[in-house]
Amino acid sequence: MTIITSAYPAARPRRMRRDPFSRAMMRENTITSADLIYPVFVLEGQNQRQQVASMPGVERVSLDLLLKVAEECVALGIPAMALFPLVDQSVKTYDGIEATNPDGLVPRVVRELKKNFPELGVITDIALDPYTTHGQDGLPDENGYIVNEQTIEMLVKQALTHAEAGVDIVAPSDMMDGRIGAIRNAFEAQGHIHTRIMAYSAKYASAFYGPFRDAVGSSANLGKADKNTYQMDPANSDEALREVALDLAEGADMVMVKPGMPYLDIVRRVKDEFKVPTFAYQVSGEYAMLKAAAQNGWLDHDKVMMESMMAFKRAGADGVLTYFALDIARKLKAGG
């Protein structure tokens, strides 16, 4: 693209920045509630509410309280919620079989959300880490290496369980090779032709996930182990494009980059290369940093919240999973 500019003083770019109306006229990106996906943590019981210490303002809630959150999402125009469960340690096993239980926490929550708020999109995480005694997203062998094919078998069962409960979108976050194709084929075989797949295609082995693992109770199980043999190396960019291409070829409807702000270059490359629905996850560590800085008076909470969202939009993201979703939507509704 050729940009033709005049020389100073004929060209004074500050003229257009002088007044609010002219700044609005030339604004290249905007933020709406439709850009937001709200990740929520759900637990068993009634009237249960637990603060996540490492994520100020974020709570784990029981289904009855989650329905109130869903109601607010609908009222604010947030199109979808993403569910993440906290399951009791007593049901965790090596193979994470509870992930496939049709009467488990997530399928029950999905059914109730779709019954009460059919217009609200519901997304579920497809991975085993909340359900395993070792905290890994897949099944380790005797040497601790995550075995790909056996893990996929469990992920397919988990995804089918969610589809049968009525979920709108499954989001495989495990990073196993070939799992998108296996899930898509299983959906087609079982008649779930409308269940969408949001693939965590470029999920990096990041240190920014710590607070999330606290929230879903997998941190203690994982211990000092890592996920480097299946999540991507933060040093790599071209590899992300290969991963996205594979997932699209296998039947993904949309793709995701995770984490978000430290990987905006990846978001831009994916959007430019494939021009498909591309999402980013403003992960727990990103949220916690901004919250902590704002609480200490070092940053203006609302300004950095909105600026970070604009960064995602500018990079090409079609939507963002963010724990700020309610705050952003409330601010937009108030005209902020």
Foldseek 3Di string as FASTA:
>chain_A
DDDDDDDPPVDDVCVLVVDPVSCVVPDDDDDALQQEEEEAEEEDDPQDWADLVLFPPHIYYYLVVVLVVLVLSVVLVNAEYEYAYAYDPVQAELALLLLLDLPHRLLVSLLVCCVVPVRHAYEYEQFRQLRHLQNARAHADPVGDGDQPSRLVSSLSSLVSNVVSPHQEYEYPRQRPPSLLVNCVSCVVVVVPRRAYAYQQQFAQDPLAVSVCSSRVRDVSNDPPGSDVRHHHPVDQVVSLVSVVRNVVSPHQEYEHPADPVVLVNLLVNCVPPVGQYEHEVHSSNSSVLVVCVVVVNDPNVVVVVVSVVSNVVSPHSHYHYNCSSVVSVCVVVVD
